[in-house]
PDB file of N, CA and C in Angstrom:
ATOM      1  N   MET A   1       0.842  -1.161   0.000  1.00  0.00           N
ATOM      2  CA  MET A   1       0.000   0.000   0.000  1.00  0.00           C
ATOM      3  C   MET A   1       0.900   1.240   0.000  1.00  0.00           C
ATOM      4  N   LEU A   2       0.500   2.225  -0.779  1.00  0.00           N
ATOM      5  CA  LEU A   2       1.310   3.417  -0.969  1.00  0.00           C
ATOM      6  C   LEU A   2       0.464   4.664  -0.739  1.00  0.00           C
ATOM      7  N   GLY A   3       1.041   5.653  -0.073  1.00  0.00           N
ATOM      8  CA  GLY A   3       0.357   6.926   0.137  1.00  0.00           C
ATOM      9  C   GLY A   3       1.339   8.066  -0.053  1.00  0.00           C
ATOM     10  N   ILE A   4       0.847   9.194  -0.540  1.00  0.00           N
ATOM     11  CA  ILE A   4       1.685  10.374  -0.754  1.00  0.00           C
ATOM     12  C   ILE A   4       0.879  11.609  -0.374  1.00  0.00           C
ATOM     13  N   ASP A   5       1.580  12.644   0.125  1.00  0.00           N
ATOM     14  CA  ASP A   5       0.914  13.903   0.434  1.00  0.00           C
ATOM     15  C   ASP A   5       1.907  15.044   0.272  1.00  0.00           C
ATOM     16  N   ILE A   6       1.372  16.219  -0.008  1.00  0.00           N
ATOM     17  CA  ILE A   6       2.177  17.419  -0.195  1.00  0.00           C
ATOM     18  C   ILE A   6       1.556  18.556   0.621  1.00  0.00           C
ATOM     19  N   VAL A   7       2.405  19.335   1.289  1.00  0.00           N
ATOM     20  CA  VAL A   7       1.928  20.422   2.145  1.00  0.00           C
ATOM     21  C   VAL A   7       2.755  21.672   1.840  1.00  0.00           C
ATOM     22  N   ASN A   8       2.072  22.799   1.760  1.00  0.00           N
ATOM     23  CA  ASN A   8       2.743  24.076   1.592  1.00  0.00           C
ATOM     24  C   ASN A   8       3.358  24.470   2.933  1.00  0.00           C
ATOM     25  N   ILE A   9       4.654  24.698   2.973  1.00  0.00           N
ATOM     26  CA  ILE A   9       5.351  25.012   4.224  1.00  0.00           C
ATOM     27  C   ILE A   9       4.824  26.311   4.839  1.00  0.00           C
ATOM     28  N   SER A  10       4.413  27.256   4.023  1.00  0.00           N
ATOM     29  CA  SER A  10       3.889  28.522   4.567  1.00  0.00           C
ATOM     30  C   SER A  10       2.628  28.293   5.399  1.00  0.00           C
ATOM     31  N   ARG A  11       1.876  27.261   5.091  1.00  0.00           N
ATOM     32  CA  ARG A  11       0.692  26.906   5.880  1.00  0.00           C
ATOM     33  C   ARG A  11       1.102  26.570   7.319  1.00  0.00           C
ATOM     34  N   MET A  12       2.168  25.791   7.473  1.00  0.00           N
ATOM     35  CA  MET A  12       2.659  25.430   8.804  1.00  0.00           C
ATOM     36  C   MET A  12       3.295  26.631   9.490  1.00  0.00           C
ATOM     37  N   GLN A  13       3.934  27.478   8.715  1.00  0.00           N
ATOM     38  CA  GLN A  13       4.545  28.676   9.283  1.00  0.00           C
ATOM     39  C   GLN A  13       3.476  29.562   9.918  1.00  0.00           C
ATOM     40  N   ARG A  14       2.363  29.746   9.223  1.00  0.00           N
ATOM     41  CA  ARG A  14       1.250  30.550   9.760  1.00  0.00           C
ATOM     42  C   ARG A  14       0.672  29.891  11.017  1.00  0.00           C
ATOM     43  N   LEU A  15       0.490  28.577  10.974  1.00  0.00           N
ATOM     44  CA  LEU A  15      -0.043  27.851  12.124  1.00  0.00           C
ATOM     45  C   LEU A  15       0.863  28.021  13.348  1.00  0.00           C
ATOM     46  N   MET A  16       2.164  27.871  13.125  1.00  0.00           N
ATOM     47  CA  MET A  16       3.125  27.967  14.232  1.00  0.00           C
ATOM     48  C   MET A  16       3.236  29.391  14.775  1.00  0.00           C
ATOM     49  N   GLN A  17       3.003  30.386  13.943  1.00  0.00           N
ATOM     50  CA  GLN A  17       3.043  31.780  14.403  1.00  0.00           C
ATOM     51  C   GLN A  17       1.805  32.113  15.228  1.00  0.00           C
ATOM     52  N   ARG A  18       0.648  31.641  14.781  1.00  0.00           N
ATOM     53  CA  ARG A  18      -0.611  31.954  15.465  1.00  0.00           C
ATOM     54  C   ARG A  18      -0.825  31.130  16.718  1.00  0.00           C
ATOM     55  N   PHE A  19      -0.502  29.840  16.649  1.00  0.00           N
ATOM     56  CA  PHE A  19      -0.764  28.911  17.760  1.00  0.00           C
ATOM     57  C   PHE A  19       0.457  28.017  17.969  1.00  0.00           C
ATOM     58  N   PRO A  20       1.546  28.540  18.520  1.00  0.00           N
ATOM     59  CA  PRO A  20       2.822  27.809  18.576  1.00  0.00           C
ATOM     60  C   PRO A  20       2.721  26.342  19.010  1.00  0.00           C
ATOM     61  N   GLN A  21       2.355  26.049  20.225  1.00  0.00           N
ATOM     62  CA  GLN A  21       2.274  24.654  20.687  1.00  0.00           C
ATOM     63  C   GLN A  21       0.905  24.050  20.417  1.00  0.00           C
ATOM     64  N   LYS A  22      -0.128  24.821  20.616  1.00  0.00           N
ATOM     65  CA  LYS A  22      -1.503  24.338  20.464  1.00  0.00           C
ATOM     66  C   LYS A  22      -1.787  23.876  19.034  1.00  0.00           C
ATOM     67  N   GLY A  23      -1.262  24.606  18.061  1.00  0.00           N
ATOM     68  CA  GLY A  23      -1.471  24.233  16.663  1.00  0.00           C
ATOM     69  C   GLY A  23      -0.818  22.912  16.327  1.00  0.00           C
ATOM     70  N   LEU A  24       0.417  22.728  16.772  1.00  0.00           N
ATOM     71  CA  LEU A  24       1.125  21.471  16.515  1.00  0.00           C
ATOM     72  C   LEU A  24       0.476  20.304  17.254  1.00  0.00           C
ATOM     73  N   ALA A  25      -0.063  20.562  18.444  1.00  0.00           N
ATOM     74  CA  ALA A  25      -0.681  19.504  19.251  1.00  0.00           C
ATOM     75  C   ALA A  25      -1.950  18.949  18.609  1.00  0.00           C
ATOM     76  N   LYS A  26      -2.478  19.623  17.605  1.00  0.00           N
ATOM     77  CA  LYS A  26      -3.660  19.112  16.894  1.00  0.00           C
ATOM     78  C   LYS A  26      -3.335  17.845  16.103  1.00  0.00           C
ATOM     79  N   PHE A  27      -2.053  17.708  15.684  1.00  0.00           N
ATOM     80  CA  PHE A  27      -1.701  16.541  14.882  1.00  0.00           C
ATOM     81  C   PHE A  27      -0.437  15.816  15.338  1.00  0.00           C
ATOM     82  N   LEU A  28       0.250  16.352  16.348  1.00  0.00           N
ATOM     83  CA  LEU A  28       1.478  15.724  16.842  1.00  0.00           C
ATOM     84  C   LEU A  28       1.384  15.430  18.333  1.00  0.00           C
ATOM     85  N   ASN A  29       2.050  14.351  18.778  1.00  0.00           N
ATOM     86  CA  ASN A  29       2.147  14.098  20.212  1.00  0.00           C
ATOM     87  C   ASN A  29       3.347  14.884  20.758  1.00  0.00           C
ATOM     88  N   GLN A  30       3.543  14.850  22.060  1.00  0.00           N
ATOM     89  CA  GLN A  30       4.596  15.668  22.680  1.00  0.00           C
ATOM     90  C   GLN A  30       5.995  15.279  22.198  1.00  0.00           C
ATOM     91  N   ASP A  31       6.267  13.988  22.033  1.00  0.00           N
ATOM     92  CA  ASP A  31       7.579  13.554  21.533  1.00  0.00           C
ATOM     93  C   ASP A  31       7.825  14.072  20.120  1.00  0.00           C
ATOM     94  N   GLU A  32       6.783  14.058  19.292  1.00  0.00           N
ATOM     95  CA  GLU A  32       6.914  14.564  17.925  1.00  0.00           C
ATOM     96  C   GLU A  32       7.151  16.077  17.924  1.00  0.00           C
ATOM     97  N   ILE A  33       6.434  16.788  18.779  1.00  0.00           N
ATOM     98  CA  ILE A  33       6.599  18.242  18.866  1.00  0.00           C
ATOM     99  C   ILE A  33       8.043  18.592  19.221  1.00  0.00           C
ATOM    100  N   CYS A  34       8.665  17.796  20.070  1.00  0.00           N
ATOM    101  CA  CYS A  34      10.061  18.045  20.464  1.00  0.00           C
ATOM    102  C   CYS A  34      11.025  17.919  19.277  1.00  0.00           C
ATOM    103  N   LEU A  35      10.634  17.198  18.242  1.00  0.00           N
ATOM    104  CA  LEU A  35      11.485  17.027  17.063  1.00  0.00           C
ATOM    105  C   LEU A  35      11.336  18.178  16.058  1.00  0.00           C
ATOM    106  N   ILE A  36      10.320  18.994  16.222  1.00  0.00           N
ATOM    107  CA  ILE A  36      10.043  20.080  15.275  1.00  0.00           C
ATOM    108  C   ILE A  36      10.976  21.252  15.558  1.00  0.00           C
ATOM    109  N   LYS A  37      11.807  21.565  14.576  1.00  0.00           N
ATOM    110  CA  LYS A  37      12.759  22.680  14.695  1.00  0.00           C
ATOM    111  C   LYS A  37      12.333  23.902  13.880  1.00  0.00           C
ATOM    112  N   ASN A  38      11.458  23.678  12.884  1.00  0.00           N
ATOM    113  CA  ASN A  38      11.059  24.753  11.980  1.00  0.00           C
ATOM    114  C   ASN A  38       9.788  24.360  11.230  1.00  0.00           C
ATOM    115  N   PRO A  39       9.192  25.274  10.481  1.00  0.00           N
ATOM    116  CA  PRO A  39       7.964  24.956   9.739  1.00  0.00           C
ATOM    117  C   PRO A  39       8.150  23.831   8.704  1.00  0.00           C
ATOM    118  N   GLN A  40       9.364  23.688   8.154  1.00  0.00           N
ATOM    119  CA  GLN A  40       9.618  22.604   7.199  1.00  0.00           C
ATOM    120  C   GLN A  40       9.411  21.246   7.869  1.00  0.00           C
ATOM    121  N   ASN A  41       9.938  21.084   9.088  1.00  0.00           N
ATOM    122  CA  ASN A  41       9.744  19.839   9.832  1.00  0.00           C
ATOM    123  C   ASN A  41       8.266  19.583  10.086  1.00  0.00           C
ATOM    124  N   ALA A  42       7.561  20.613  10.543  1.00  0.00           N
ATOM    125  CA  ALA A  42       6.135  20.469  10.847  1.00  0.00           C
ATOM    126  C   ALA A  42       5.349  20.061   9.595  1.00  0.00           C
ATOM    127  N   ALA A  43       5.636  20.710   8.484  1.00  0.00           N
ATOM    128  CA  ALA A  43       4.942  20.384   7.234  1.00  0.00           C
ATOM    129  C   ALA A  43       5.257  18.954   6.803  1.00  0.00           C
ATOM    130  N   GLY A  44       6.504  18.536   6.957  1.00  0.00           N
ATOM    131  CA  GLY A  44       6.880  17.172   6.609  1.00  0.00           C
ATOM    132  C   GLY A  44       6.170  16.143   7.460  1.00  0.00           C
ATOM    133  N   PHE A  45       6.067  16.403   8.768  1.00  0.00           N
ATOM    134  CA  PHE A  45       5.377  15.471   9.665  1.00  0.00           C
ATOM    135  C   PHE A  45       3.885  15.416   9.347  1.00  0.00           C
ATOM    136  N   PHE A  46       3.288  16.573   9.048  1.00  0.00           N
ATOM    137  CA  PHE A  46       1.871  16.592   8.684  1.00  0.00           C
ATOM    138  C   PHE A  46       1.654  15.788   7.399  1.00  0.00           C
ATOM    139  N   ALA A  47       2.499  16.036   6.405  1.00  0.00           N
ATOM    140  CA  ALA A  47       2.391  15.307   5.141  1.00  0.00           C
ATOM    141  C   ALA A  47       2.580  13.801   5.367  1.00  0.00           C
ATOM    142  N   ALA A  48       3.491  13.435   6.261  1.00  0.00           N
ATOM    143  CA  ALA A  48       3.731  12.017   6.545  1.00  0.00           C
ATOM    144  C   ALA A  48       2.497  11.350   7.133  1.00  0.00           C
ATOM    145  N   LYS A  49       1.842  12.016   8.057  1.00  0.00           N
ATOM    146  CA  LYS A  49       0.649  11.427   8.664  1.00  0.00           C
ATOM    147  C   LYS A  49      -0.489  11.321   7.654  1.00  0.00           C
ATOM    148  N   GLU A  50      -0.637  12.332   6.815  1.00  0.00           N
ATOM    149  CA  GLU A  50      -1.666  12.271   5.765  1.00  0.00           C
ATOM    150  C   GLU A  50      -1.345  11.160   4.759  1.00  0.00           C
ATOM    151  N   ALA A  51      -0.089  11.053   4.359  1.00  0.00           N
ATOM    152  CA  ALA A  51       0.309   9.998   3.418  1.00  0.00           C
ATOM    153  C   ALA A  51       0.079   8.620   4.020  1.00  0.00           C
ATOM    154  N   ALA A  52       0.375   8.467   5.308  1.00  0.00           N
ATOM    155  CA  ALA A  52       0.164   7.177   5.973  1.00  0.00           C
ATOM    156  C   ALA A  52      -1.312   6.802   5.982  1.00  0.00           C
ATOM    157  N   SER A  53      -2.164   7.771   6.269  1.00  0.00           N
ATOM    158  CA  SER A  53      -3.602   7.478   6.294  1.00  0.00           C
ATOM    159  C   SER A  53      -4.120   7.147   4.892  1.00  0.00           C
ATOM    160  N   LYS A  54      -3.531   7.747   3.889  1.00  0.00           N
ATOM    161  CA  LYS A  54      -3.908   7.429   2.504  1.00  0.00           C
ATOM    162  C   LYS A  54      -3.426   6.036   2.123  1.00  0.00           C
ATOM    163  N   ALA A  55      -2.245   5.648   2.609  1.00  0.00           N
ATOM    164  CA  ALA A  55      -1.742   4.294   2.339  1.00  0.00           C
ATOM    165  C   ALA A  55      -2.670   3.257   2.962  1.00  0.00           C
ATOM    166  N   LEU A  56      -3.266   3.581   4.087  1.00  0.00           N
ATOM    167  CA  LEU A  56      -4.235   2.680   4.716  1.00  0.00           C
ATOM    168  C   LEU A  56      -5.540   2.629   3.930  1.00  0.00           C
ATOM    169  N   GLY A  57      -5.785   3.683   3.151  1.00  0.00           N
ATOM    170  CA  GLY A  57      -7.023   3.756   2.380  1.00  0.00           C
ATOM    171  C   GLY A  57      -8.168   4.381   3.163  1.00  0.00           C
ATOM    172  N   THR A  58      -7.850   5.055   4.274  1.00  0.00           N
ATOM    173  CA  THR A  58      -8.899   5.613   5.122  1.00  0.00           C
ATOM    174  C   THR A  58      -8.913   7.126   5.163  1.00  0.00           C
ATOM    175  N   GLY A  59      -7.751   7.745   5.039  1.00  0.00           N
ATOM    176  CA  GLY A  59      -7.631   9.161   5.338  1.00  0.00           C
ATOM    177  C   GLY A  59      -7.722   9.339   6.848  1.00  0.00           C
ATOM    178  N   ILE A  60      -7.487  10.569   7.305  1.00  0.00           N
ATOM    179  CA  ILE A  60      -7.616  10.864   8.729  1.00  0.00           C
ATOM    180  C   ILE A  60      -9.091  11.031   9.042  1.00  0.00           C
ATOM    181  N   GLY A  61      -9.555  10.332  10.045  1.00  0.00           N
ATOM    182  CA  GLY A  61     -10.977  10.424  10.396  1.00  0.00           C
ATOM    183  C   GLY A  61     -11.400   9.305  11.314  1.00  0.00           C
ATOM    184  N   LYS A  62     -12.527   8.719  11.002  1.00  0.00           N
ATOM    185  CA  LYS A  62     -13.162   7.711  11.855  1.00  0.00           C
ATOM    186  C   LYS A  62     -12.281   6.486  12.109  1.00  0.00           C
ATOM    187  N   HIS A  63     -11.612   5.986  11.086  1.00  0.00           N
ATOM    188  CA  HIS A  63     -10.852   4.734  11.209  1.00  0.00           C
ATOM    189  C   HIS A  63      -9.402   4.931  11.631  1.00  0.00           C
ATOM    190  N   CYS A  64      -8.873   6.124  11.439  1.00  0.00           N
ATOM    191  CA  CYS A  64      -7.466   6.382  11.760  1.00  0.00           C
ATOM    192  C   CYS A  64      -7.315   7.857  12.125  1.00  0.00           C
ATOM    193  N   SER A  65      -6.777   8.108  13.314  1.00  0.00           N
ATOM    194  CA  SER A  65      -6.580   9.493  13.749  1.00  0.00           C
ATOM    195  C   SER A  65      -5.100   9.848  13.670  1.00  0.00           C
ATOM    196  N   PHE A  66      -4.803  11.134  13.822  1.00  0.00           N
ATOM    197  CA  PHE A  66      -3.410  11.571  13.835  1.00  0.00           C
ATOM    198  C   PHE A  66      -2.625  10.849  14.929  1.00  0.00           C
ATOM    199  N   SER A  67      -3.276  10.568  16.057  1.00  0.00           N
ATOM    200  CA  SER A  67      -2.577   9.921  17.167  1.00  0.00           C
ATOM    201  C   SER A  67      -2.276   8.445  16.912  1.00  0.00           C
ATOM    202  N   ASP A  68      -2.890   7.849  15.903  1.00  0.00           N
ATOM    203  CA  ASP A  68      -2.610   6.450  15.536  1.00  0.00           C
ATOM    204  C   ASP A  68      -1.324   6.322  14.716  1.00  0.00           C
ATOM    205  N   ILE A  69      -0.785   7.438  14.274  1.00  0.00           N
ATOM    206  CA  ILE A  69       0.414   7.460  13.432  1.00  0.00           C
ATOM    207  C   ILE A  69       1.514   8.188  14.198  1.00  0.00           C
ATOM    208  N   ILE A  70       2.647   7.533  14.384  1.00  0.00           N
ATOM    209  CA  ILE A  70       3.730   8.093  15.186  1.00  0.00           C
ATOM    210  C   ILE A  70       4.977   8.279  14.326  1.00  0.00           C
ATOM    211  N   ILE A  71       5.490   9.518  14.308  1.00  0.00           N
ATOM    212  CA  ILE A  71       6.693   9.840  13.546  1.00  0.00           C
ATOM    213  C   ILE A  71       7.841  10.021  14.540  1.00  0.00           C
ATOM    214  N   SER A  72       8.999   9.472  14.213  1.00  0.00           N
ATOM    215  CA  SER A  72      10.197   9.662  15.029  1.00  0.00           C
ATOM    216  C   SER A  72      11.391   9.758  14.078  1.00  0.00           C
ATOM    217  N   LYS A  73      12.573   9.752  14.646  1.00  0.00           N
ATOM    218  CA  LYS A  73      13.793   9.802  13.827  1.00  0.00           C
ATOM    219  C   LYS A  73      14.735   8.716  14.305  1.00  0.00           C
ATOM    220  N   ASN A  74      15.527   8.180  13.380  1.00  0.00           N
ATOM    221  CA  ASN A  74      16.520   7.175  13.767  1.00  0.00           C
ATOM    222  C   ASN A  74      17.828   7.867  14.161  1.00  0.00           C
ATOM    223  N   LYS A  75      18.860   7.093  14.441  1.00  0.00           N
ATOM    224  CA  LYS A  75      20.141   7.645  14.894  1.00  0.00           C
ATOM    225  C   LYS A  75      20.794   8.562  13.863  1.00  0.00           C
ATOM    226  N   LEU A  76      20.447   8.363  12.594  1.00  0.00           N
ATOM    227  CA  LEU A  76      21.016   9.188  11.526  1.00  0.00           C
ATOM    228  C   LEU A  76      20.101  10.372  11.168  1.00  0.00           C
ATOM    229  N   ASN A  77      19.048  10.569  11.983  1.00  0.00           N
ATOM    230  CA  ASN A  77      18.095  11.662  11.799  1.00  0.00           C
ATOM    231  C   ASN A  77      17.124  11.440  10.640  1.00  0.00           C
ATOM    232  N   ALA A  78      17.040  10.223  10.136  1.00  0.00           N
ATOM    233  CA  ALA A  78      16.068   9.905   9.095  1.00  0.00           C
ATOM    234  C   ALA A  78      14.703   9.651   9.734  1.00  0.00           C
ATOM    235  N   PRO A  79      13.623  10.024   9.059  1.00  0.00           N
ATOM    236  CA  PRO A  79      12.293   9.832   9.645  1.00  0.00           C
ATOM    237  C   PRO A  79      11.896   8.356   9.689  1.00  0.00           C
ATOM    238  N   LYS A  80      11.179   8.013  10.754  1.00  0.00           N
ATOM    239  CA  LYS A  80      10.621   6.667  10.907  1.00  0.00           C
ATOM    240  C   LYS A  80       9.137   6.822  11.196  1.00  0.00           C
ATOM    241  N   ILE A  81       8.381   5.795  10.856  1.00  0.00           N
ATOM    242  CA  ILE A  81       6.942   5.823  11.103  1.00  0.00           C
ATOM    243  C   ILE A  81       6.507   4.512  11.722  1.00  0.00           C
ATOM    244  N   LYS A  82       5.565   4.615  12.646  1.00  0.00           N
ATOM    245  CA  LYS A  82       4.923   3.413  13.168  1.00  0.00           C
ATOM    246  C   LYS A  82       3.472   3.752  13.476  1.00  0.00           C
ATOM    247  N   PHE A  83       2.716   2.716  13.760  1.00  0.00           N
ATOM    248  CA  PHE A  83       1.282   2.863  13.974  1.00  0.00           C
ATOM    249  C   PHE A  83       0.887   2.330  15.342  1.00  0.00           C
ATOM    250  N   SER A  84      -0.266   2.766  15.823  1.00  0.00           N
ATOM    251  CA  SER A  84      -0.793   2.240  17.081  1.00  0.00           C
ATOM    252  C   SER A  84      -1.041   0.741  16.915  1.00  0.00           C
ATOM    253  N   LYS A  85      -1.089   0.028  18.016  1.00  0.00           N
ATOM    254  CA  LYS A  85      -1.346  -1.417  17.976  1.00  0.00           C
ATOM    255  C   LYS A  85      -2.669  -1.712  17.285  1.00  0.00           C
ATOM    256  N   LYS A  86      -3.665  -0.883  17.544  1.00  0.00           N
ATOM    257  CA  LYS A  86      -4.994  -1.054  16.937  1.00  0.00           C
ATOM    258  C   LYS A  86      -4.900  -1.024  15.411  1.00  0.00           C
ATOM    259  N   ILE A  87      -4.198  -0.039  14.879  1.00  0.00           N
ATOM    260  CA  ILE A  87      -4.076   0.110  13.425  1.00  0.00           C
ATOM    261  C   ILE A  87      -3.223  -1.015  12.840  1.00  0.00           C
ATOM    262  N   LYS A  88      -2.105  -1.340  13.507  1.00  0.00           N
ATOM    263  CA  LYS A  88      -1.249  -2.433  13.017  1.00  0.00           C
ATOM    264  C   LYS A  88      -2.035  -3.729  12.886  1.00  0.00           C
ATOM    265  N   LYS A  89      -2.849  -4.010  13.878  1.00  0.00           N
ATOM    266  CA  LYS A  89      -3.636  -5.254  13.872  1.00  0.00           C
ATOM    267  C   LYS A  89      -4.750  -5.204  12.823  1.00  0.00           C
ATOM    268  N   GLU A  90      -5.509  -4.122  12.837  1.00  0.00           N
ATOM    269  CA  GLU A  90      -6.652  -4.003  11.923  1.00  0.00           C
ATOM    270  C   GLU A  90      -6.234  -4.056  10.453  1.00  0.00           C
ATOM    271  N   PHE A  91      -5.116  -3.420  10.126  1.00  0.00           N
ATOM    272  CA  PHE A  91      -4.680  -3.352   8.734  1.00  0.00           C
ATOM    273  C   PHE A  91      -3.543  -4.317   8.413  1.00  0.00           C
ATOM    274  N   LYS A  92      -3.195  -5.175   9.377  1.00  0.00           N
ATOM    275  CA  LYS A  92      -2.186  -6.221   9.198  1.00  0.00           C
ATOM    276  C   LYS A  92      -0.855  -5.663   8.670  1.00  0.00           C
ATOM    277  N   ILE A  93      -0.383  -4.595   9.314  1.00  0.00           N
ATOM    278  CA  ILE A  93       0.853  -3.947   8.886  1.00  0.00           C
ATOM    279  C   ILE A  93       2.051  -4.699   9.446  1.00  0.00           C
ATOM    280  N   LYS A  94       2.909  -5.137   8.550  1.00  0.00           N
ATOM    281  CA  LYS A  94       4.138  -5.826   8.948  1.00  0.00           C
ATOM    282  C   LYS A  94       5.296  -4.836   9.077  1.00  0.00           C
ATOM    283  N   LYS A  95       5.413  -3.926   8.114  1.00  0.00           N
ATOM    284  CA  LYS A  95       6.513  -2.954   8.087  1.00  0.00           C
ATOM    285  C   LYS A  95       6.008  -1.686   7.402  1.00  0.00           C
ATOM    286  N   ALA A  96       6.531  -0.541   7.849  1.00  0.00           N
ATOM    287  CA  ALA A  96       6.154   0.744   7.251  1.00  0.00           C
ATOM    288  C   ALA A  96       7.412   1.535   6.928  1.00  0.00           C
ATOM    289  N   TYR A  97       7.424   2.169   5.769  1.00  0.00           N
ATOM    290  CA  TYR A  97       8.563   2.956   5.309  1.00  0.00           C
ATOM    291  C   TYR A  97       8.094   4.376   5.035  1.00  0.00           C
ATOM    292  N   LEU A  98       8.951   5.346   5.372  1.00  0.00           N
ATOM    293  CA  LEU A  98       8.611   6.760   5.214  1.00  0.00           C
ATOM    294  C   LEU A  98       9.766   7.528   4.606  1.00  0.00           C
ATOM    295  N   SER A  99       9.438   8.409   3.658  1.00  0.00           N
ATOM    296  CA  SER A  99      10.408   9.351   3.113  1.00  0.00           C
ATOM    297  C   SER A  99       9.754  10.728   3.096  1.00  0.00           C
ATOM    298  N   ILE A 100      10.516  11.734   3.546  1.00  0.00           N
ATOM    299  CA  ILE A 100      10.037  13.119   3.563  1.00  0.00           C
ATOM    300  C   ILE A 100      11.079  13.978   2.856  1.00  0.00           C
ATOM    301  N   THR A 101      10.608  14.909   2.027  1.00  0.00           N
ATOM    302  CA  THR A 101      11.513  15.849   1.374  1.00  0.00           C
ATOM    303  C   THR A 101      10.897  17.243   1.386  1.00  0.00           C
ATOM    304  N   HIS A 102      11.745  18.264   1.279  1.00  0.00           N
ATOM    305  CA  HIS A 102      11.314  19.667   1.246  1.00  0.00           C
ATOM    306  C   HIS A 102      12.008  20.353   0.072  1.00  0.00           C
ATOM    307  N   ASP A 103      11.252  21.157  -0.670  1.00  0.00           N
ATOM    308  CA  ASP A 103      11.850  21.927  -1.754  1.00  0.00           C
ATOM    309  C   ASP A 103      10.883  23.016  -2.197  1.00  0.00           C
ATOM    310  N   LYS A 104      11.412  24.180  -2.455  1.00  0.00           N
ATOM    311  CA  LYS A 104      10.665  25.312  -3.018  1.00  0.00           C
ATOM    312  C   LYS A 104       9.338  25.567  -2.307  1.00  0.00           C
ATOM    313  N   GLY A 105       9.385  25.567  -0.978  1.00  0.00           N
ATOM    314  CA  GLY A 105       8.197  25.901  -0.204  1.00  0.00           C
ATOM    315  C   GLY A 105       7.215  24.770   0.001  1.00  0.00           C
ATOM    316  N   LEU A 106       7.597  23.558  -0.380  1.00  0.00           N
ATOM    317  CA  LEU A 106       6.703  22.405  -0.234  1.00  0.00           C
ATOM    318  C   LEU A 106       7.373  21.290   0.556  1.00  0.00           C
ATOM    319  N   ALA A 107       6.567  20.540   1.278  1.00  0.00           N
ATOM    320  CA  ALA A 107       7.027  19.326   1.949  1.00  0.00           C
ATOM    321  C   ALA A 107       6.222  18.170   1.368  1.00  0.00           C
ATOM    322  N   ILE A 108       6.913  17.105   1.016  1.00  0.00           N
ATOM    323  CA  ILE A 108       6.261  15.937   0.416  1.00  0.00           C
ATOM    324  C   ILE A 108       6.666  14.707   1.214  1.00  0.00           C
ATOM    325  N   ALA A 109       5.688  13.843   1.458  1.00  0.00           N
ATOM    326  CA  ALA A 109       5.967  12.593   2.161  1.00  0.00           C
ATOM    327  C   ALA A 109       5.367  11.431   1.392  1.00  0.00           C
ATOM    328  N   VAL A 110       6.094  10.317   1.406  1.00  0.00           N
ATOM    329  CA  VAL A 110       5.631   9.079   0.794  1.00  0.00           C
ATOM    330  C   VAL A 110       5.717   7.989   1.858  1.00  0.00           C
ATOM    331  N   VAL A 111       4.657   7.201   1.964  1.00  0.00           N
ATOM    332  CA  VAL A 111       4.615   6.086   2.909  1.00  0.00           C
ATOM    333  C   VAL A 111       4.294   4.814   2.149  1.00  0.00           C
ATOM    334  N   PHE A 112       5.092   3.780   2.417  1.00  0.00           N
ATOM    335  CA  PHE A 112       4.856   2.459   1.834  1.00  0.00           C
ATOM    336  C   PHE A 112       4.610   1.490   2.979  1.00  0.00           C
ATOM    337  N   LEU A 113       3.521   0.739   2.890  1.00  0.00           N
ATOM    338  CA  LEU A 113       3.181  -0.238   3.916  1.00  0.00           C
ATOM    339  C   LEU A 113       3.300  -1.655   3.365  1.00  0.00           C
ATOM    340  N   LYS A 114       3.998  -2.485   4.094  1.00  0.00           N
ATOM    341  CA  LYS A 114       4.074  -3.899   3.772  1.00  0.00           C
ATOM    342  C   LYS A 114       3.117  -4.618   4.719  1.00  0.00           C
ATOM    343  N   ARG A 115       2.172  -5.344   4.140  1.00  0.00           N
ATOM    344  CA  ARG A 115       1.156  -6.016   4.952  1.00  0.00           C
ATOM    345  C   ARG A 115       1.495  -7.487   5.105  1.00  0.00           C
ATOM    346  N   CYS A 116       1.012  -8.053   6.196  1.00  0.00           N
ATOM    347  CA  CYS A 116       1.169  -9.492   6.424  1.00  0.00           C
ATOM    348  C   CYS A 116       0.370 -10.245   5.381  1.00  0.00           C
ATOM    349  N   LYS A 117       0.910 -11.389   4.979  1.00  0.00           N
ATOM    350  CA  LYS A 117       0.185 -12.214   4.011  1.00  0.00           C
ATOM    351  C   LYS A 117      -1.085 -12.743   4.631  1.00  0.00           C
ATOM    352  N   LYS A 118      -2.132 -12.803   3.828  1.00  0.00           N
ATOM    353  CA  LYS A 118      -3.408 -13.335   4.309  1.00  0.00           C
ATOM    354  C   LYS A 118      -3.280 -14.856   4.441  1.00  0.00           C
ATOM    355  N   SER A 119      -3.866 -15.364   5.509  1.00  0.00           N
ATOM    356  CA  SER A 119      -3.786 -16.819   5.701  1.00  0.00           C
ATOM    357  C   SER A 119      -5.024 -17.524   5.217  1.00  0.00           C
TER     358      SER A 119
END
């Protein structure tokens, strides 16, 4: 399963100026907020969560919330993604891959999900 999303970085810049912590808390948990250094990071994380929900085929809403998708970084500062136990079980997710990029005022994220084989 594959999902992709694109976010205008200026959108996150406005959000962070108007509602510094409260705005980010709408879609990020406290650990994720600690990783945000600038609007580019915030836009990338938002795009990653949207792309992940699209890879599930649900979008953000009734079946999958922002809190069901967790973004972190590895030792080399590359983004990592994981899902809540509920989502992993329901959608039979074996492995999840995430890539985020920023260029010319845009943040783009791609999520690839490897699902367990059906028995």
